[in-house]
Amino acid sequence: MSEFLPTGIQLSYLIASALFIIGLKQLGSPATARQGNVVGAIGMLIAIVATLLDRQVLNYEMIALGIAIGAGLGAVMAYRVAMTDMPQMVGLLNGFGGAASALVAVGEFWRVTSVMDVVPLSETITIVLSILIGGITLTGSLLAFAKLQELVPGAPITFPFQQPVNLAIVVTFLAGSGMLIANPHDLPVFLTLVVLSLILGFLFVLPIGGADTPVVISLLNSFSGLAASAAGFVLMNNMLIIAGALVGASGIILTELMCRAMNRTLANVLFSAFGSTQTATAGAVADSEDKTVRSIDSEQGAMMLGYARSVVVVPGYGMAVAQAQHAVRELTDQLERLGVEVKYAIHPVAGRMPGHMNVLLAEANVPYTQLYDMDDINPEFERTDVALVIGANDVVNPAARTNQSSPIYGMPILEVDRAQHTIVIKRGMNAGFSGVENELFYKNKTMMLFGSAKDAITQLVAAVKEL
């Protein structure tokens, strides 16, 4: 039995890896996402049980204590965190993953330097990489969480000579890594590398904000996977290497897709401080002084929606902030009662994280068959009677298509301005995350319904019921 156990553990890891891949595939579609989540959870359960059966695990009491504390905290977070706060939770969990990987590297350094006179080169390199990736992921994710939670300003924060300072820290880290490879027992150098990695993570996220938030979240998610994979190399654990590689690869693919959806390069997202409003709005405000805004009340909006043949709902971050997804579902139910065809248009970067709108609408039990990606819904707008925009801004701004001087020019958008009529629910005329004023608000076919998304939708529901 003892001879079979290592083989059984590796077979269990293989099964778990296959379940992870299947789960990731199913997560790619709203129709199978919940099933994919369950499949992935089963795979993780198998991996954990197999690891606990490994003869290298000696202290089951501490492991049981850790599982109890982690499970308790996870249950409380899952119960108390609102769906609108999921981006913050994802950022926080990314940071926890980075912290775990960094702590594994610290523990391994302590172990090997205390029992080995000559530390293998591969061991030192993997420890350094795990410290670097884990440290950056930890502090970068915590700062992203603080920005999303509005504990610190969400706008890009820059200071003079920022890039040279970052380069100097990177060079110092590389030099320290060389010193540690030459003398793996040098504790002060190792601690310096830990501190530098934490500083790098903070400086990495500091100049990023505004419209780039979803991209940064997906990139940090990729980093957390890479950190886990690096920890797997430190511990020589195949399951951790595979799982981390899957998360890292899926995260970087998603990051690239998000960049394409914004017509931006990853380098531009990381180093341009895009989203700062100091200069982005300077020309737009002057150009809009002579433009007219047409506003309506809930009764007029209900008439437009109730007597339309087709309506496309475009949710945005304003819907998430107001937690209006249930009211939106009630409105669309009432419209369908009147024979109106209703569809939902989902932009890849709407909200504060990839899939944010999908998650909120799923919470309100909106049928996934009514959710349409940007490429699928854009050709439909010309045949749509009313486009109902709820708290979205940059992702529906026609300037991205028509104004070559605009900072968002070239970014793919939901072309709601091609609909016969457009109703925009918004608190005011403020610019979006990018700091660019929205030309849609001044179009002849656009009607503004001012107010909180939840209040405005609730009033629309009441008015539609009377039709």
Protein backbone atom coordinates (compact mmCIF):
# COMPACT_ATOMS: atom_id res chain seq x y z
CA MET A 1 0.00 0.00 0.00
CA SER A 2 2.80 2.42 0.93
CA GLU A 3 4.50 1.75 -2.43
CA PHE A 4 1.27 2.47 -4.32
CA LEU A 5 0.50 5.71 -2.45
CA PRO A 6 2.87 8.03 -4.40
CA THR A 7 1.47 6.69 -7.70
CA GLY A 8 -2.08 7.13 -6.45
CA ILE A 9 -1.33 10.73 -5.46
CA GLN A 10 0.07 11.54 -8.89
CA LEU A 11 -2.95 9.91 -10.57
CA SER A 12 -5.21 12.00 -8.35
CA TYR A 13 -3.29 15.10 -9.44
CA LEU A 14 -3.79 14.10 -13.07
CA ILE A 15 -7.55 13.72 -12.56
CA ALA A 16 -7.71 17.05 -10.73
CA SER A 17 -5.78 18.75 -13.54
CA ALA A 18 -8.22 17.38 -16.12
CA LEU A 19 -11.14 18.67 -14.06
CA PHE A 20 -9.50 22.10 -13.85
CA ILE A 21 -9.20 22.26 -17.65
CA ILE A 22 -12.80 21.12 -18.15
CA GLY A 23 -13.99 23.64 -15.55
CA LEU A 24 -12.12 26.50 -17.24
CA LYS A 25 -13.65 25.56 -20.57
CA GLN A 26 -17.15 25.58 -19.09
CA LEU A 27 -16.55 28.92 -17.38
CA GLY A 28 -16.21 30.46 -20.84
CA SER A 29 -19.98 30.36 -21.43
CA PRO A 30 -22.82 31.72 -19.23
CA ALA A 31 -24.76 28.54 -19.98
CA THR A 32 -22.17 26.27 -18.36
CA ALA A 33 -20.37 28.64 -15.96
CA ARG A 34 -22.01 27.34 -12.78
CA GLN A 35 -21.30 23.74 -13.75
CA GLY A 36 -17.72 24.69 -14.55
CA ASN A 37 -17.32 26.22 -11.11
CA VAL A 38 -18.54 22.99 -9.50
CA VAL A 39 -16.22 20.86 -11.66
CA GLY A 40 -13.25 23.03 -10.72
CA ALA A 41 -14.17 22.83 -7.03
CA ILE A 42 -14.31 19.02 -7.22
CA GLY A 43 -10.89 19.01 -8.85
CA MET A 44 -9.49 21.17 -6.04
CA LEU A 45 -11.04 18.88 -3.41
CA ILE A 46 -9.34 15.85 -5.00
CA ALA A 47 -6.02 17.74 -5.12
CA ILE A 48 -6.26 18.74 -1.45
CA VAL A 49 -7.15 15.23 -0.26
CA ALA A 50 -4.33 13.72 -2.31
CA THR A 51 -1.85 16.22 -0.86
CA LEU A 52 -2.99 15.48 2.69
CA LEU A 53 -2.29 11.78 2.07
CA ASP A 54 1.28 12.56 1.05
CA ARG A 55 3.81 11.15 3.53
CA GLN A 56 5.68 14.48 3.51
CA VAL A 57 2.80 16.07 5.40
CA LEU A 58 3.66 15.68 9.07
CA ASN A 59 1.54 18.13 11.09
CA TYR A 60 -2.12 17.49 10.42
CA GLU A 61 -3.20 19.50 13.48
CA MET A 62 -1.86 22.77 12.03
CA ILE A 63 -3.36 21.94 8.64
CA ALA A 64 -6.75 21.27 10.23
CA LEU A 65 -6.53 24.58 12.09
CA GLY A 66 -5.68 26.42 8.88
CA ILE A 67 -8.55 24.77 7.01
CA ALA A 68 -11.00 25.68 9.77
CA ILE A 69 -9.90 29.32 9.89
CA GLY A 70 -9.83 29.66 6.09
CA ALA A 71 -13.19 27.96 5.62
CA GLY A 72 -14.75 30.16 8.29
CA LEU A 73 -13.41 33.37 6.78
CA GLY A 74 -14.40 32.24 3.29
CA ALA A 75 -17.96 31.45 4.38
CA VAL A 76 -18.34 34.83 6.08
CA MET A 77 -16.97 36.68 3.04
CA ALA A 78 -19.18 34.74 0.62
CA TYR A 79 -22.24 35.47 2.75
CA ARG A 80 -21.60 39.14 3.51
CA VAL A 81 -19.91 40.51 0.38
CA ALA A 82 -22.40 42.04 -2.04
CA MET A 83 -22.25 41.10 -5.71
CA THR A 84 -21.40 44.72 -6.48
CA ASP A 85 -18.26 44.34 -4.34
CA MET A 86 -17.02 41.22 -6.12
CA PRO A 87 -14.19 43.12 -7.92
CA GLN A 88 -12.76 44.15 -4.55
CA MET A 89 -13.06 40.59 -3.29
CA VAL A 90 -11.29 39.21 -6.36
CA GLY A 91 -8.47 41.71 -5.85
CA LEU A 92 -8.17 40.74 -2.20
CA LEU A 93 -8.11 37.01 -2.98
CA ASN A 94 -5.43 37.62 -5.62
CA GLY A 95 -3.37 39.27 -2.90
CA PHE A 96 -3.88 36.32 -0.56
CA GLY A 97 -2.63 33.99 -3.28
CA GLY A 98 0.49 36.08 -3.75
CA ALA A 99 1.07 36.22 0.01
CA ALA A 100 0.78 32.42 0.30
CA SER A 101 3.34 31.89 -2.46
CA ALA A 102 5.75 34.41 -0.95
CA LEU A 103 5.43 32.79 2.50
CA VAL A 104 6.15 29.38 0.97
CA ALA A 105 9.35 30.80 -0.51
CA VAL A 106 10.33 32.36 2.83
CA GLY A 107 9.74 29.07 4.62
CA GLU A 108 11.72 27.12 2.04
CA PHE A 109 14.61 29.59 2.28
CA TRP A 110 14.63 29.16 6.04
CA ARG A 111 14.60 25.37 5.69
CA VAL A 112 17.28 24.92 3.03
CA THR A 113 19.69 27.42 4.57
CA SER A 114 19.42 25.70 7.94
CA VAL A 115 20.02 22.14 6.68
CA MET A 116 22.19 22.62 3.58
CA ASP A 117 25.71 23.96 3.38
CA VAL A 118 25.46 24.15 -0.42
CA VAL A 119 22.07 25.25 -1.75
CA PRO A 120 21.34 24.08 -5.34
CA LEU A 121 21.22 26.89 -7.92
CA SER A 122 17.75 25.82 -9.11
CA GLU A 123 16.45 26.04 -5.54
CA THR A 124 17.70 29.60 -5.09
CA ILE A 125 16.32 30.76 -8.45
CA THR A 126 12.86 29.34 -7.77
CA ILE A 127 12.81 30.96 -4.33
CA VAL A 128 13.78 34.35 -5.80
CA LEU A 129 11.12 34.10 -8.54
CA SER A 130 8.45 33.09 -6.02
CA ILE A 131 9.37 36.04 -3.79
CA LEU A 132 9.29 38.46 -6.74
CA ILE A 133 5.96 37.36 -8.22
CA GLY A 134 4.30 36.74 -4.86
CA GLY A 135 5.38 40.09 -3.42
CA ILE A 136 4.26 42.06 -6.46
CA THR A 137 0.93 40.23 -6.47
CA LEU A 138 0.36 40.85 -2.75
CA THR A 139 0.92 44.61 -2.55
CA GLY A 140 -0.37 45.28 -6.07
CA SER A 141 -3.63 43.48 -5.32
CA LEU A 142 -4.03 45.19 -1.95
CA LEU A 143 -3.60 48.60 -3.57
CA ALA A 144 -6.07 47.66 -6.32
CA PHE A 145 -8.51 46.61 -3.57
CA ALA A 146 -8.01 49.94 -1.81
CA LYS A 147 -8.69 51.84 -5.05
CA LEU A 148 -11.83 49.85 -5.80
CA GLN A 149 -13.02 50.27 -2.22
CA GLU A 150 -12.28 54.02 -2.53
CA LEU A 151 -9.93 53.89 0.44
CA VAL A 152 -7.43 55.70 -1.79
CA PRO A 153 -8.11 57.80 -4.92
CA GLY A 154 -8.98 55.64 -7.91
CA ALA A 155 -7.35 58.02 -10.40
CA PRO A 156 -3.76 57.37 -11.54
CA ILE A 157 -1.17 58.62 -9.03
CA THR A 158 2.15 59.71 -10.47
CA PHE A 159 5.25 61.48 -9.19
CA PRO A 160 8.38 62.95 -10.81
CA PHE A 161 10.91 60.43 -12.16
CA GLN A 162 8.48 57.58 -11.49
CA GLN A 163 9.73 55.31 -14.26
CA PRO A 164 13.44 55.84 -13.43
CA VAL A 165 12.66 55.02 -9.80
CA ASN A 166 10.89 51.82 -10.84
CA LEU A 167 13.82 50.90 -13.11
CA ALA A 168 16.29 51.51 -10.30
CA ILE A 169 14.35 49.20 -7.97
CA VAL A 170 14.21 46.48 -10.64
CA VAL A 171 17.97 46.77 -11.25
CA THR A 172 18.60 46.63 -7.50
CA PHE A 173 16.44 43.51 -7.23
CA LEU A 174 18.37 41.83 -10.05
CA ALA A 175 21.68 42.72 -8.43
CA GLY A 176 20.46 41.39 -5.09
CA SER A 177 19.32 38.20 -6.77
CA GLY A 178 22.80 37.72 -8.18
CA MET A 179 24.29 38.23 -4.72
CA LEU A 180 21.89 35.70 -3.22
CA ILE A 181 22.73 33.15 -5.90
CA ALA A 182 26.41 33.64 -5.10
CA ASN A 183 25.74 33.32 -1.35
CA PRO A 184 22.35 31.67 -0.66
CA HIS A 185 22.83 32.00 3.12
CA ASP A 186 22.92 35.82 3.07
CA LEU A 187 19.84 36.65 5.17
CA PRO A 188 20.05 40.48 4.88
CA VAL A 189 20.11 40.25 1.07
CA PHE A 190 17.15 37.87 1.10
CA LEU A 191 15.11 40.18 3.35
CA THR A 192 16.02 43.11 1.09
CA LEU A 193 14.65 41.21 -1.91
CA VAL A 194 11.41 40.57 -0.04
CA VAL A 195 11.00 44.28 0.74
CA LEU A 196 11.86 45.31 -2.84
CA SER A 197 9.27 42.92 -4.28
CA LEU A 198 6.59 44.43 -2.02
CA ILE A 199 7.58 47.97 -3.08
CA LEU A 200 7.49 46.97 -6.75
CA GLY A 201 3.93 45.70 -6.43
CA PHE A 202 2.83 48.96 -4.86
CA LEU A 203 4.53 51.10 -7.52
CA PHE A 204 3.19 48.83 -10.26
CA VAL A 205 -0.47 49.62 -9.49
CA LEU A 206 -0.04 53.20 -8.22
CA PRO A 207 -0.20 54.92 -11.66
CA ILE A 208 -3.06 52.76 -12.93
CA GLY A 209 -6.71 53.69 -12.57
CA GLY A 210 -9.93 54.67 -14.24
CA ALA A 211 -10.87 52.68 -17.32
CA ASP A 212 -7.88 50.37 -16.89
CA THR A 213 -9.17 48.78 -13.69
CA PRO A 214 -10.64 45.63 -15.32
CA VAL A 215 -7.38 44.98 -17.18
CA VAL A 216 -5.30 45.31 -14.02
CA ILE A 217 -7.56 42.92 -12.12
CA SER A 218 -7.21 40.22 -14.76
CA LEU A 219 -3.44 40.79 -14.95
CA LEU A 220 -3.06 40.48 -11.17
CA ASN A 221 -5.14 37.31 -11.36
CA SER A 222 -2.59 35.97 -13.83
CA PHE A 223 0.22 36.99 -11.45
CA SER A 224 -1.41 35.07 -8.61
CA GLY A 225 -1.40 31.96 -10.81
CA LEU A 226 2.25 32.45 -11.72
CA ALA A 227 3.07 32.93 -8.04
CA ALA A 228 1.34 29.64 -7.22
CA SER A 229 3.22 27.89 -10.01
CA ALA A 230 6.53 29.28 -8.72
CA ALA A 231 5.63 28.00 -5.25
CA GLY A 232 4.97 24.61 -6.86
CA PHE A 233 8.52 24.54 -8.19
CA VAL A 234 9.82 25.47 -4.74
CA LEU A 235 7.89 22.60 -3.14
CA MET A 236 8.30 20.25 -6.12
CA ASN A 237 4.53 19.77 -6.21
CA ASN A 238 3.20 18.94 -9.68
CA MET A 239 -0.40 19.87 -8.84
CA LEU A 240 0.53 23.36 -7.72
CA ILE A 241 2.64 23.89 -10.82
CA ILE A 242 -0.17 22.82 -13.15
CA ALA A 243 -2.93 24.71 -11.35
CA GLY A 244 -0.84 27.87 -11.17
CA ALA A 245 0.09 27.62 -14.84
CA LEU A 246 -3.58 27.26 -15.82
CA VAL A 247 -4.57 30.34 -13.81
CA GLY A 248 -1.60 32.30 -15.10
CA ALA A 249 -2.25 31.41 -18.73
CA SER A 250 -6.00 32.04 -18.57
CA GLY A 251 -5.40 35.34 -16.80
CA ILE A 252 -2.93 36.65 -19.37
CA ILE A 253 -5.20 35.55 -22.24
CA LEU A 254 -8.09 37.40 -20.63
CA THR A 255 -5.85 40.44 -20.12
CA GLU A 256 -5.00 40.47 -23.81
CA LEU A 257 -8.67 40.19 -24.76
CA MET A 258 -9.51 43.09 -22.46
CA CYS A 259 -6.78 45.21 -24.02
CA ARG A 260 -8.16 44.47 -27.48
CA ALA A 261 -11.63 45.46 -26.30
CA MET A 262 -10.18 48.86 -25.33
CA ASN A 263 -7.96 49.14 -28.42
CA ARG A 264 -4.97 49.47 -26.12
CA THR A 265 -1.70 47.64 -25.71
CA LEU A 266 -0.75 46.17 -22.37
CA ALA A 267 2.29 48.47 -22.23
CA ASN A 268 0.02 51.48 -22.78
CA VAL A 269 -2.26 50.34 -19.95
CA LEU A 270 0.63 49.88 -17.53
CA PHE A 271 2.71 52.94 -18.30
CA SER A 272 0.47 55.69 -19.73
CA ALA A 273 -1.50 56.62 -16.56
CA PHE A 274 -4.63 56.56 -18.74
CA GLY A 275 -7.74 57.67 -16.89
CA SER A 276 -6.37 60.88 -15.47
CA THR A 277 -8.93 63.61 -15.93
CA GLN A 278 -6.61 66.58 -15.84
CA THR A 279 -6.13 66.76 -19.59
CA ALA A 280 -8.68 64.41 -21.08
CA THR A 281 -11.67 66.70 -20.64
CA ALA A 282 -10.09 70.01 -21.46
CA GLY A 283 -11.16 70.15 -25.08
CA ALA A 284 -14.37 68.20 -24.75
CA VAL A 285 -16.05 70.59 -22.36
CA ALA A 286 -15.47 73.58 -24.58
CA ASP A 287 -16.85 71.76 -27.58
CA SER A 288 -20.07 70.85 -25.73
CA GLU A 289 -21.04 74.32 -24.51
CA ASP A 290 -23.49 74.89 -27.39
CA LYS A 291 -24.94 71.37 -27.35
CA THR A 292 -28.43 70.54 -26.11
CA VAL A 293 -29.39 67.80 -23.70
CA ARG A 294 -32.90 66.33 -24.01
CA SER A 295 -34.34 64.92 -20.81
CA ILE A 296 -37.50 62.90 -20.12
CA ASP A 297 -39.36 61.68 -17.07
CA SER A 298 -40.31 58.11 -16.16
CA GLU A 299 -43.76 58.31 -17.76
CA GLN A 300 -42.31 59.38 -21.10
CA GLY A 301 -39.63 56.70 -20.86
CA ALA A 302 -42.24 54.06 -20.10
CA MET A 303 -44.24 55.08 -23.16
CA MET A 304 -41.14 54.76 -25.39
CA LEU A 305 -40.25 51.36 -23.96
CA GLY A 306 -43.73 49.91 -23.68
CA TYR A 307 -44.71 50.64 -27.28
CA ALA A 308 -41.39 49.55 -28.80
CA ARG A 309 -41.03 46.31 -30.71
CA SER A 310 -37.46 45.71 -29.56
CA VAL A 311 -35.38 47.01 -26.65
CA VAL A 312 -31.70 46.44 -25.96
CA VAL A 313 -30.59 46.97 -22.36
CA VAL A 314 -26.98 48.14 -21.88
CA PRO A 315 -25.89 47.74 -18.23
CA GLY A 316 -22.88 49.57 -16.84
CA TYR A 317 -21.12 50.33 -13.59
CA GLY A 318 -23.91 52.72 -12.55
CA MET A 319 -26.28 49.75 -12.43
CA ALA A 320 -23.81 47.88 -10.22
CA VAL A 321 -23.36 50.79 -7.80
CA ALA A 322 -27.13 51.23 -7.43
CA GLN A 323 -27.65 47.43 -7.17
CA ALA A 324 -30.42 47.84 -9.73
CA GLN A 325 -30.09 44.44 -11.43
CA HIS A 326 -33.27 43.03 -9.83
CA ALA A 327 -35.26 46.13 -10.80
CA VAL A 328 -33.92 45.81 -14.35
CA ARG A 329 -35.10 42.20 -14.50
CA GLU A 330 -38.56 43.29 -13.28
CA LEU A 331 -38.69 45.99 -15.96
CA THR A 332 -37.79 43.59 -18.75
CA ASP A 333 -40.40 41.11 -17.47
CA GLN A 334 -43.04 43.83 -17.75
CA LEU A 335 -41.86 44.75 -21.25
CA GLU A 336 -42.01 41.13 -22.37
CA ARG A 337 -45.56 40.98 -20.98
CA LEU A 338 -46.39 43.72 -23.48
CA GLY A 339 -44.80 41.75 -26.32
CA VAL A 340 -41.51 43.68 -26.48
CA GLU A 341 -38.42 41.71 -27.53
CA VAL A 342 -35.68 42.35 -24.95
CA LYS A 343 -31.95 41.70 -25.26
CA TYR A 344 -28.96 42.64 -23.11
CA ALA A 345 -25.74 44.03 -24.61
CA ILE A 346 -22.59 43.22 -22.62
CA HIS A 347 -19.34 45.09 -23.29
CA PRO A 348 -16.15 43.21 -22.31
CA VAL A 349 -14.91 46.01 -20.04
CA ALA A 350 -18.22 47.19 -18.57
CA GLY A 351 -17.95 47.44 -14.80
CA ARG A 352 -14.83 46.94 -12.72
CA MET A 353 -13.86 43.41 -13.64
CA PRO A 354 -14.25 40.98 -16.54
CA GLY A 355 -17.73 39.48 -16.46
CA HIS A 356 -18.98 41.95 -13.84
CA MET A 357 -22.26 42.60 -15.66
CA ASN A 358 -22.81 38.90 -16.36
CA VAL A 359 -22.46 38.10 -12.66
CA LEU A 360 -24.91 40.80 -11.60
CA LEU A 361 -27.51 39.81 -14.18
CA ALA A 362 -27.11 36.14 -13.27
CA GLU A 363 -27.87 37.08 -9.66
CA ALA A 364 -31.15 38.56 -10.92
CA ASN A 365 -31.86 35.33 -12.86
CA VAL A 366 -31.72 37.01 -16.27
CA PRO A 367 -31.77 34.17 -18.86
CA TYR A 368 -28.32 33.73 -20.37
CA THR A 369 -29.95 33.42 -23.80
CA GLN A 370 -30.77 37.13 -23.59
CA LEU A 371 -27.13 38.14 -23.04
CA TYR A 372 -25.25 39.18 -26.18
CA ASP A 373 -21.58 40.00 -26.65
CA MET A 374 -20.57 43.25 -28.30
CA ASP A 375 -19.78 41.73 -31.70
CA ASP A 376 -23.11 39.90 -31.81
CA ILE A 377 -25.34 42.78 -30.71
CA ASN A 378 -23.81 45.71 -32.63
CA PRO A 379 -25.39 44.72 -35.98
CA GLU A 380 -28.78 44.62 -34.19
CA PHE A 381 -28.85 48.24 -33.04
CA GLU A 382 -29.96 49.65 -36.40
CA ARG A 383 -33.08 47.46 -36.10
CA THR A 384 -33.64 48.32 -32.42
CA ASP A 385 -36.40 50.72 -31.44
CA VAL A 386 -34.95 51.72 -28.05
CA ALA A 387 -31.52 51.22 -26.49
CA LEU A 388 -31.74 51.59 -22.71
CA VAL A 389 -28.33 52.54 -21.27
CA ILE A 390 -28.13 52.08 -17.49
CA GLY A 391 -25.08 53.69 -15.93
CA ALA A 392 -22.72 52.92 -18.84
CA ASN A 393 -20.52 55.68 -20.23
CA ASP A 394 -17.22 55.11 -22.03
CA VAL A 395 -18.37 51.83 -23.59
CA VAL A 396 -21.16 53.65 -25.49
CA ASN A 397 -19.31 56.85 -26.38
CA PRO A 398 -19.45 57.48 -30.18
CA ALA A 399 -16.25 59.53 -29.90
CA ALA A 400 -14.39 56.22 -29.91
CA ARG A 401 -15.63 55.75 -33.47
CA THR A 402 -15.78 59.31 -34.83
CA ASN A 403 -13.32 61.61 -33.02
CA GLN A 404 -9.71 60.91 -33.91
CA SER A 405 -8.48 63.38 -31.29
CA SER A 406 -10.27 61.55 -28.48
CA PRO A 407 -8.12 59.49 -26.05
CA ILE A 408 -10.53 56.57 -26.51
CA TYR A 409 -10.57 56.72 -30.33
CA GLY A 410 -10.49 53.22 -31.80
CA MET A 411 -11.89 51.51 -28.70
CA PRO A 412 -14.67 49.09 -29.72
CA ILE A 413 -17.98 50.28 -28.29
CA LEU A 414 -21.62 49.26 -28.13
CA GLU A 415 -23.09 51.28 -30.99
CA VAL A 416 -26.27 52.37 -29.21
CA ASP A 417 -26.32 55.64 -31.16
CA ARG A 418 -27.44 53.64 -34.22
CA ALA A 419 -30.72 52.64 -32.52
CA GLN A 420 -33.91 54.53 -33.39
CA HIS A 421 -33.97 56.03 -29.89
CA THR A 422 -31.66 55.88 -26.89
CA ILE A 423 -32.58 56.39 -23.24
CA VAL A 424 -29.64 57.01 -20.90
CA ILE A 425 -30.17 56.61 -17.16
CA LYS A 426 -27.50 58.54 -15.29
CA ARG A 427 -27.13 60.68 -12.20
CA GLY A 428 -25.60 63.61 -14.08
CA MET A 429 -23.43 64.65 -17.01
CA ASN A 430 -20.11 63.63 -15.51
CA ALA A 431 -17.51 61.97 -17.70
CA GLY A 432 -16.72 58.27 -17.44
CA PHE A 433 -13.63 56.52 -16.06
CA SER A 434 -11.54 57.77 -18.99
CA GLY A 435 -12.35 61.40 -18.21
CA VAL A 436 -13.79 61.89 -21.74
CA GLU A 437 -17.15 63.59 -22.16
CA ASN A 438 -19.74 61.40 -23.86
CA GLU A 439 -20.98 62.64 -27.24
CA LEU A 440 -23.95 60.28 -27.00
CA PHE A 441 -25.65 62.53 -24.45
CA TYR A 442 -26.06 65.31 -27.03
CA LYS A 443 -27.36 63.23 -29.93
CA ASN A 444 -30.80 64.15 -31.32
CA LYS A 445 -32.09 60.64 -30.70
CA THR A 446 -30.83 60.48 -27.09
CA MET A 447 -33.06 61.14 -24.10
CA MET A 448 -31.56 61.51 -20.61
CA LEU A 449 -33.42 60.12 -17.59
CA PHE A 450 -31.56 61.60 -14.63
CA GLY A 451 -31.40 59.86 -11.27
CA SER A 452 -30.12 56.81 -9.45
CA ALA A 453 -30.35 53.72 -11.64
CA LYS A 454 -32.43 51.80 -9.10
CA ASP A 455 -34.86 54.66 -8.47
CA ALA A 456 -35.24 55.43 -12.18
CA ILE A 457 -35.83 51.79 -13.11
CA THR A 458 -38.33 51.35 -10.26
CA GLN A 459 -40.27 54.36 -11.54
CA LEU A 460 -40.18 52.95 -15.07
CA VAL A 461 -41.54 49.63 -13.81
CA ALA A 462 -44.45 51.36 -12.09
CA ALA A 463 -45.22 53.41 -15.21
CA VAL A 464 -44.98 50.42 -17.57
CA LYS A 465 -47.40 48.44 -15.39
CA GLU A 466 -50.03 51.08 -16.08
CA LEU A 467 -49.78 50.74 -19.87
